[in-house]
N, C-alpha and C. Protein backbone atom coordinates (compact mmCIF):
# COMPACT_ATOMS: atom_id res chain seq x y z
N MET A 1 11.38 -15.61 0.74
CA MET A 1 11.82 -14.55 0.86
C MET A 1 13.36 -14.31 0.56
N ALA A 2 14.06 -15.44 0.58
CA ALA A 2 15.41 -15.55 0.22
C ALA A 2 15.55 -15.22 -1.35
N VAL A 3 14.66 -15.71 -2.16
CA VAL A 3 14.68 -15.45 -3.58
C VAL A 3 14.44 -13.88 -3.80
N ILE A 4 13.57 -13.33 -2.83
CA ILE A 4 13.33 -11.82 -3.11
C ILE A 4 14.80 -11.31 -2.86
N ASP A 5 15.21 -11.42 -1.57
CA ASP A 5 16.42 -10.74 -0.98
C ASP A 5 17.74 -11.18 -1.70
N GLU A 6 18.04 -12.31 -2.38
CA GLU A 6 19.00 -12.77 -2.75
C GLU A 6 19.10 -12.66 -4.32
N HIS A 7 18.06 -12.78 -4.89
CA HIS A 7 17.91 -12.72 -6.57
C HIS A 7 17.46 -11.61 -6.91
N LEU A 8 15.97 -11.49 -6.72
CA LEU A 8 15.27 -10.45 -7.43
C LEU A 8 15.61 -9.05 -7.34
N ILE A 9 15.68 -8.62 -6.25
CA ILE A 9 15.96 -7.25 -5.63
C ILE A 9 17.38 -6.98 -6.19
N PRO A 10 18.46 -7.60 -5.75
CA PRO A 10 19.66 -7.30 -6.55
C PRO A 10 19.86 -7.43 -8.11
N SER A 11 18.87 -8.08 -8.55
CA SER A 11 19.05 -8.12 -9.98
C SER A 11 18.07 -7.07 -10.82
N SER A 12 17.26 -6.39 -10.12
CA SER A 12 16.38 -5.38 -10.51
C SER A 12 16.79 -4.44 -11.56
N SER A 13 16.30 -4.11 -12.63
CA SER A 13 16.83 -3.38 -13.72
C SER A 13 16.46 -2.00 -13.73
N GLY A 14 15.49 -1.63 -12.85
CA GLY A 14 15.22 -0.37 -12.78
C GLY A 14 14.30 0.01 -11.57
N ILE A 15 13.86 1.29 -11.40
CA ILE A 15 13.21 1.62 -10.12
C ILE A 15 11.64 0.93 -9.96
N GLU A 16 11.16 0.86 -11.13
CA GLU A 16 9.70 0.06 -11.02
C GLU A 16 9.81 -1.31 -10.54
N SER A 17 10.87 -2.02 -11.14
CA SER A 17 11.02 -3.43 -10.68
C SER A 17 11.48 -3.64 -9.22
N THR A 18 12.35 -2.61 -8.80
CA THR A 18 12.84 -2.68 -7.33
C THR A 18 11.61 -2.40 -6.40
N VAL A 19 10.82 -1.43 -6.58
CA VAL A 19 9.55 -0.84 -5.95
C VAL A 19 8.85 -2.36 -6.05
N PHE A 20 8.51 -2.90 -7.14
CA PHE A 20 7.45 -3.88 -7.09
C PHE A 20 7.99 -5.11 -6.38
N PHE A 21 9.42 -5.36 -6.09
CA PHE A 21 9.95 -6.53 -5.30
C PHE A 21 10.01 -6.20 -3.83
N TYR A 22 10.12 -4.87 -3.52
CA TYR A 22 9.99 -4.57 -2.18
C TYR A 22 8.49 -4.49 -1.66
N LYS A 23 7.57 -4.01 -2.57
CA LYS A 23 6.28 -4.43 -2.19
C LYS A 23 5.81 -5.73 -2.08
N MET A 24 6.15 -6.73 -3.13
CA MET A 24 6.10 -8.08 -2.93
C MET A 24 6.63 -8.65 -1.67
N LYS A 25 7.63 -8.18 -1.22
CA LYS A 25 8.39 -8.59 0.17
C LYS A 25 7.41 -8.29 1.26
N GLY A 26 6.83 -6.94 1.14
CA GLY A 26 5.87 -6.36 2.07
C GLY A 26 4.64 -7.03 2.12
N ASP A 27 4.10 -7.37 1.15
CA ASP A 27 3.07 -8.09 0.82
C ASP A 27 3.12 -9.72 1.71
N TYR A 28 4.18 -10.27 1.31
CA TYR A 28 4.38 -11.68 1.85
C TYR A 28 4.52 -11.59 3.23
N TYR A 29 5.18 -10.58 3.74
CA TYR A 29 5.46 -10.43 5.22
C TYR A 29 3.89 -10.07 5.95
N ARG A 30 3.08 -9.34 5.05
CA ARG A 30 1.81 -9.18 5.63
C ARG A 30 1.15 -10.31 5.76
N TYR A 31 0.96 -11.11 4.85
CA TYR A 31 0.16 -12.06 4.79
C TYR A 31 0.65 -13.16 5.88
N LEU A 32 1.89 -13.44 6.18
CA LEU A 32 2.31 -14.08 7.43
C LEU A 32 1.70 -13.39 8.85
N ALA A 33 1.89 -12.19 8.82
CA ALA A 33 1.39 -11.44 10.04
C ALA A 33 -0.01 -11.63 10.31
N GLU A 34 -0.80 -11.81 9.13
CA GLU A 34 -2.39 -12.06 9.09
C GLU A 34 -2.58 -13.51 9.96
N PHE A 35 -1.78 -14.32 9.77
CA PHE A 35 -2.04 -15.56 10.71
C PHE A 35 -1.21 -15.84 11.85
N LYS A 36 -0.09 -15.20 12.07
CA LYS A 36 0.89 -15.68 12.87
C LYS A 36 0.36 -14.86 14.32
N SER A 37 0.66 -15.19 15.44
CA SER A 37 0.51 -14.44 16.74
C SER A 37 1.77 -14.53 17.63
N GLY A 38 1.50 -13.62 18.52
CA GLY A 38 2.65 -13.15 19.40
C GLY A 38 4.05 -12.71 18.93
N SER A 39 5.08 -13.12 19.36
CA SER A 39 6.38 -12.39 18.64
C SER A 39 6.48 -12.64 17.27
N ASP A 40 6.07 -13.79 16.64
CA ASP A 40 6.15 -14.24 15.36
C ASP A 40 5.25 -13.14 14.41
N ARG A 41 3.91 -12.84 14.85
CA ARG A 41 3.24 -11.76 14.41
C ARG A 41 4.05 -10.49 14.42
N LYS A 42 4.58 -10.00 15.42
CA LYS A 42 5.09 -8.83 15.49
C LYS A 42 6.49 -8.68 14.45
N GLU A 43 7.28 -9.94 14.59
CA GLU A 43 8.30 -9.99 13.69
C GLU A 43 7.99 -9.72 12.15
N ALA A 44 6.97 -10.35 11.72
CA ALA A 44 6.43 -10.41 10.46
C ALA A 44 5.90 -8.94 10.13
N ALA A 45 5.19 -8.49 10.99
CA ALA A 45 4.70 -6.96 10.85
C ALA A 45 5.72 -6.04 10.70
N GLU A 46 6.96 -6.17 11.50
CA GLU A 46 8.17 -5.38 11.33
C GLU A 46 8.83 -5.42 10.08
N GLU A 47 8.92 -6.50 9.69
CA GLU A 47 9.70 -6.91 8.27
C GLU A 47 8.72 -6.22 7.10
N SER A 48 7.49 -6.56 7.21
CA SER A 48 6.65 -5.96 6.31
C SER A 48 6.65 -4.26 6.23
N LEU A 49 6.62 -3.73 7.27
CA LEU A 49 6.80 -2.36 7.38
C LEU A 49 7.90 -1.84 6.71
N LYS A 50 9.23 -2.47 6.94
CA LYS A 50 10.35 -2.14 6.56
C LYS A 50 10.45 -2.16 5.00
N ALA A 51 9.97 -3.27 4.50
CA ALA A 51 9.81 -3.45 3.16
C ALA A 51 8.84 -2.50 2.40
N TYR A 52 7.75 -2.15 3.00
CA TYR A 52 6.84 -1.15 2.46
C TYR A 52 7.32 0.18 2.39
N GLN A 53 8.19 0.36 3.56
CA GLN A 53 8.82 1.74 3.63
C GLN A 53 10.05 2.02 2.41
N VAL A 54 10.57 1.16 2.35
CA VAL A 54 11.76 1.35 1.34
C VAL A 54 11.03 1.30 -0.17
N ALA A 55 9.94 0.51 -0.36
CA ALA A 55 9.36 0.67 -1.62
C ALA A 55 8.56 2.10 -1.74
N ASN A 56 8.09 2.56 -0.62
CA ASN A 56 7.28 3.84 -0.48
C ASN A 56 8.15 4.99 -1.01
N THR A 57 9.29 4.95 -0.17
CA THR A 57 10.35 5.98 -0.24
C THR A 57 10.78 6.21 -1.88
N SER A 58 11.11 5.00 -2.47
CA SER A 58 11.59 4.89 -3.88
C SER A 58 10.49 5.36 -4.74
N SER A 59 9.19 4.86 -4.48
CA SER A 59 8.20 5.10 -5.41
C SER A 59 7.81 6.69 -5.31
N GLU A 60 7.80 7.26 -4.40
CA GLU A 60 7.32 8.61 -3.99
C GLU A 60 8.57 9.64 -4.96
N SER A 61 9.81 9.03 -4.70
CA SER A 61 10.84 10.14 -5.42
C SER A 61 10.86 9.80 -6.86
N ASP A 62 10.75 8.36 -7.41
CA ASP A 62 11.05 8.12 -8.93
C ASP A 62 9.83 7.76 -9.58
N LEU A 63 8.78 7.40 -9.19
CA LEU A 63 7.52 7.18 -9.97
C LEU A 63 6.31 8.27 -10.13
N PRO A 64 5.80 8.55 -11.16
CA PRO A 64 4.81 9.33 -10.90
C PRO A 64 3.45 8.81 -10.07
N PRO A 65 2.70 9.77 -9.55
CA PRO A 65 1.57 9.33 -8.70
C PRO A 65 0.74 8.51 -9.36
N THR A 66 0.66 8.53 -10.71
CA THR A 66 -0.39 7.66 -11.45
C THR A 66 0.02 6.36 -11.94
N HIS A 67 1.37 5.97 -11.56
CA HIS A 67 1.82 4.88 -11.88
C HIS A 67 1.46 3.68 -11.31
N PRO A 68 0.76 2.65 -11.99
CA PRO A 68 0.22 1.43 -11.43
C PRO A 68 0.91 0.92 -10.19
N THR A 69 2.12 0.90 -10.31
CA THR A 69 3.01 0.04 -9.27
C THR A 69 2.98 0.92 -8.02
N ARG A 70 3.00 2.28 -8.18
CA ARG A 70 3.01 2.92 -6.96
C ARG A 70 1.64 3.24 -6.42
N LEU A 71 0.67 3.24 -7.05
CA LEU A 71 -0.62 3.06 -6.76
C LEU A 71 -0.89 1.59 -6.08
N GLY A 72 -0.53 0.53 -6.48
CA GLY A 72 -0.59 -0.42 -5.98
C GLY A 72 0.04 -0.84 -4.53
N LEU A 73 1.24 -0.17 -4.62
CA LEU A 73 1.84 -0.08 -3.52
C LEU A 73 1.06 0.62 -2.22
N ALA A 74 0.48 1.65 -2.44
CA ALA A 74 -0.10 2.48 -1.68
C ALA A 74 -1.45 1.93 -0.93
N LEU A 75 -2.18 1.23 -2.14
CA LEU A 75 -3.17 0.27 -1.75
C LEU A 75 -2.94 -0.73 -0.53
N ASN A 76 -1.87 -1.52 -0.99
CA ASN A 76 -1.50 -2.68 0.08
C ASN A 76 -0.83 -2.11 1.26
N PHE A 77 0.04 -0.91 1.27
CA PHE A 77 0.55 -0.50 2.36
C PHE A 77 -0.54 0.08 3.31
N SER A 78 -1.64 0.74 2.74
CA SER A 78 -2.73 1.35 3.64
C SER A 78 -3.39 0.09 4.24
N VAL A 79 -3.80 -0.93 3.49
CA VAL A 79 -4.36 -2.23 4.03
C VAL A 79 -3.50 -2.74 5.20
N PHE A 80 -2.28 -2.94 5.00
CA PHE A 80 -1.25 -3.12 5.94
C PHE A 80 -1.36 -2.35 7.27
N TYR A 81 -1.58 -0.77 7.23
CA TYR A 81 -1.90 -0.11 8.42
C TYR A 81 -3.12 -0.42 8.95
N PHE A 82 -4.17 -0.48 8.11
CA PHE A 82 -5.44 -0.52 8.68
C PHE A 82 -5.67 -2.11 9.20
N GLU A 83 -5.13 -3.07 8.86
CA GLU A 83 -5.65 -4.45 9.21
C GLU A 83 -4.17 -4.99 10.29
N ILE A 84 -3.29 -4.81 10.08
CA ILE A 84 -2.10 -5.38 10.70
C ILE A 84 -1.54 -4.47 11.99
N MET A 85 -1.51 -3.09 11.46
CA MET A 85 -1.12 -2.16 12.50
C MET A 85 -2.19 -1.60 13.46
N ASN A 86 -3.55 -1.82 12.97
CA ASN A 86 -4.54 -1.22 13.70
C ASN A 86 -4.46 0.26 13.82
N SER A 87 -4.14 0.81 12.68
CA SER A 87 -3.93 2.25 12.61
C SER A 87 -4.99 2.93 11.42
N PRO A 88 -6.24 3.08 11.57
CA PRO A 88 -6.94 3.40 10.54
C PRO A 88 -6.65 4.91 10.12
N GLU A 89 -6.15 5.62 10.99
CA GLU A 89 -5.81 7.13 10.67
C GLU A 89 -4.62 7.11 9.65
N ARG A 90 -3.49 6.20 9.80
CA ARG A 90 -2.45 6.24 8.84
C ARG A 90 -2.81 5.53 7.76
N ALA A 91 -3.56 4.51 7.77
CA ALA A 91 -4.18 3.86 6.61
C ALA A 91 -4.99 4.98 5.63
N CYS A 92 -5.80 5.83 6.17
CA CYS A 92 -6.62 6.52 5.56
C CYS A 92 -5.83 7.67 4.89
N HIS A 93 -5.10 7.97 5.64
CA HIS A 93 -3.95 9.28 5.25
C HIS A 93 -3.20 8.69 3.91
N LEU A 94 -2.67 7.71 4.16
CA LEU A 94 -2.06 7.07 2.85
C LEU A 94 -2.72 6.88 1.61
N ALA A 95 -4.04 6.16 1.77
CA ALA A 95 -4.77 5.88 0.75
C ALA A 95 -5.23 7.38 0.32
N LYS A 96 -5.68 8.40 0.98
CA LYS A 96 -6.26 9.67 0.51
C LYS A 96 -5.17 10.28 -0.14
N GLN A 97 -3.97 10.20 0.38
CA GLN A 97 -2.90 11.08 -0.32
C GLN A 97 -2.43 10.47 -1.69
N ALA A 98 -2.46 9.13 -1.78
CA ALA A 98 -2.10 8.49 -3.18
C ALA A 98 -3.23 8.66 -4.02
N PHE A 99 -4.54 8.64 -3.51
CA PHE A 99 -5.68 8.99 -4.44
C PHE A 99 -5.74 10.37 -5.12
N ASP A 100 -5.57 11.50 -3.99
CA ASP A 100 -5.58 12.78 -4.25
C ASP A 100 -4.43 13.27 -5.42
N GLU A 101 -3.22 12.62 -5.02
CA GLU A 101 -2.14 12.97 -6.02
C GLU A 101 -2.26 12.38 -7.31
N ALA A 102 -2.72 11.09 -7.53
CA ALA A 102 -2.90 10.48 -8.90
C ALA A 102 -4.12 11.42 -9.56
N ILE A 103 -5.25 11.64 -8.62
CA ILE A 103 -6.46 12.58 -9.39
C ILE A 103 -5.87 13.75 -9.93
N SER A 104 -4.89 14.64 -9.18
CA SER A 104 -4.19 15.65 -9.69
C SER A 104 -3.55 15.62 -11.11
N GLU A 105 -3.22 14.40 -11.37
CA GLU A 105 -2.40 14.00 -12.42
C GLU A 105 -3.08 13.30 -13.59
N LEU A 106 -4.07 13.07 -13.37
CA LEU A 106 -5.02 11.92 -14.26
C LEU A 106 -4.96 12.32 -15.68
N ASP A 107 -5.03 13.89 -15.99
CA ASP A 107 -4.89 14.31 -17.20
C ASP A 107 -3.87 13.97 -18.10
N ILE A 108 -2.64 13.63 -17.33
CA ILE A 108 -1.47 13.40 -18.18
C ILE A 108 -1.11 11.77 -18.00
N LEU A 109 -1.97 11.01 -17.59
CA LEU A 109 -1.84 9.60 -17.52
C LEU A 109 -1.64 8.96 -18.83
N ARG A 110 -0.65 8.23 -19.07
CA ARG A 110 -0.59 7.49 -20.34
C ARG A 110 -1.63 6.56 -20.62
N GLU A 111 -1.93 6.46 -21.80
CA GLU A 111 -3.13 5.39 -22.34
C GLU A 111 -2.86 4.00 -21.90
N GLU A 112 -1.58 3.61 -22.09
CA GLU A 112 -1.36 2.19 -21.66
C GLU A 112 -1.73 1.64 -20.35
N SER A 113 -1.46 2.81 -19.27
CA SER A 113 -1.56 2.51 -17.88
C SER A 113 -2.99 3.12 -17.40
N TYR A 114 -3.74 3.70 -18.03
CA TYR A 114 -4.95 4.21 -17.75
C TYR A 114 -5.86 3.30 -17.10
N LYS A 115 -6.18 2.18 -17.65
CA LYS A 115 -7.21 1.18 -17.21
C LYS A 115 -6.60 0.69 -15.87
N ASP A 116 -5.33 0.25 -15.58
CA ASP A 116 -4.56 -0.14 -14.47
C ASP A 116 -4.80 0.86 -13.23
N SER A 117 -4.46 1.92 -13.62
CA SER A 117 -4.48 3.13 -12.66
C SER A 117 -5.75 3.37 -12.05
N THR A 118 -6.65 3.56 -12.92
CA THR A 118 -7.91 3.87 -12.54
C THR A 118 -8.74 3.00 -11.61
N LEU A 119 -8.27 1.64 -12.04
CA LEU A 119 -8.95 0.57 -11.32
C LEU A 119 -8.31 0.70 -9.76
N ILE A 120 -6.91 0.76 -9.98
CA ILE A 120 -6.37 0.77 -8.53
C ILE A 120 -6.83 2.15 -7.71
N MET A 121 -6.97 3.11 -8.28
CA MET A 121 -7.78 4.38 -7.56
C MET A 121 -8.94 4.06 -7.10
N GLN A 122 -9.73 3.24 -7.96
CA GLN A 122 -11.20 2.86 -7.48
C GLN A 122 -11.10 2.14 -6.23
N LEU A 123 -10.15 1.27 -6.05
CA LEU A 123 -10.01 0.46 -5.04
C LEU A 123 -9.71 1.21 -3.75
N LEU A 124 -8.63 2.06 -3.95
CA LEU A 124 -8.40 3.07 -2.86
C LEU A 124 -9.51 3.82 -2.36
N ARG A 125 -10.26 4.24 -3.32
CA ARG A 125 -11.46 5.07 -2.81
C ARG A 125 -12.63 4.11 -2.04
N ASP A 126 -12.74 2.97 -2.84
CA ASP A 126 -13.71 2.02 -1.89
C ASP A 126 -13.20 1.81 -0.57
N ASN A 127 -11.74 1.56 -0.39
CA ASN A 127 -11.30 1.34 0.99
C ASN A 127 -11.58 2.54 1.92
N LEU A 128 -11.40 3.55 1.26
CA LEU A 128 -11.49 4.92 2.08
C LEU A 128 -12.91 5.07 2.56
N THR A 129 -13.99 4.77 1.53
CA THR A 129 -15.32 4.69 2.08
C THR A 129 -15.56 3.84 3.01
N LEU A 130 -15.23 2.50 2.81
CA LEU A 130 -15.39 1.43 3.76
C LEU A 130 -14.92 1.85 5.28
N TRP A 131 -13.49 2.30 5.23
CA TRP A 131 -13.00 2.64 6.40
C TRP A 131 -13.80 3.95 7.28
N THR A 132 -14.21 4.81 6.27
CA THR A 132 -14.72 5.96 6.96
C THR A 132 -16.33 5.82 7.10
N SER A 133 -16.81 4.75 6.85
CA SER A 133 -18.30 4.61 7.12
C SER A 133 -18.61 3.24 8.15
N ASP A 134 -17.68 2.97 8.90
CA ASP A 134 -17.53 1.91 9.86
C ASP A 134 -18.40 2.27 11.23
N ILE A 135 -19.53 1.59 11.38
CA ILE A 135 -20.38 2.01 12.55
C ILE A 135 -20.02 1.00 13.44
N PRO A 136 -19.57 1.18 14.82
CA PRO A 136 -19.39 0.31 15.69
C PRO A 136 -20.72 -0.27 16.27
N GLU A 137 -20.56 -1.15 17.17
CA GLU A 137 -21.85 -1.87 17.75
C GLU A 137 -22.55 -0.71 18.60
N ASP A 138 -22.04 0.16 19.16
CA ASP A 138 -22.76 1.30 20.09
C ASP A 138 -23.54 2.06 19.15
N GLY A 139 -23.35 2.19 17.99
CA GLY A 139 -24.19 2.93 17.02
C GLY A 139 -23.60 4.26 16.65
N VAL A 140 -22.48 4.82 17.47
CA VAL A 140 -22.03 5.89 17.17
C VAL A 140 -20.89 5.82 15.91
N ILE A 141 -21.22 6.67 14.93
CA ILE A 141 -20.39 6.65 13.75
C ILE A 141 -18.97 7.14 14.04
N LYS A 142 -17.97 6.25 13.95
CA LYS A 142 -16.46 6.70 14.14
C LYS A 142 -15.81 6.78 12.79
N ASN A 143 -15.43 8.01 12.46
CA ASN A 143 -14.84 8.42 11.33
C ASN A 143 -13.26 8.73 11.68
N ASP A 144 -12.31 7.55 11.58
CA ASP A 144 -11.00 7.66 12.00
C ASP A 144 -10.17 8.27 10.78
N CYS A 145 -10.84 8.43 9.54
CA CYS A 145 -10.17 8.95 8.36
C CYS A 145 -10.25 10.54 7.90
N ASN A 146 -10.62 11.11 9.03
CA ASN A 146 -10.84 12.87 8.92
C ASN A 146 -9.52 13.36 9.60
């Protein structure tokens, strides 16, 4: 984490790399939270949330909705909400918002990022489908994403 905080983020040359490195920091803390327990898990989750929030704020104000870095951030941040924070509502809202905003601008997507962007959009949609079709043991369909 020190390399990210002390070298990569300070030397970022533009918004895309800054968002990417904060996303990376959020990802690494999310991975730690996946196998830590107790206060260590809580601390890793909090650090992950902070990094994702910084990245998200920057990406929403400075990157187009179809940008692969912005979409990748939305994908990973929504997984964080679903798996680490146990908040399917937030996860679904974030994933759906990112998907819908990207769809609305798909016609102006640059050719060089089309493949990457549409692949990540498909992953967002796959997660939404999975999260909305979760059938608990009692057999009652629970749809937390509406």
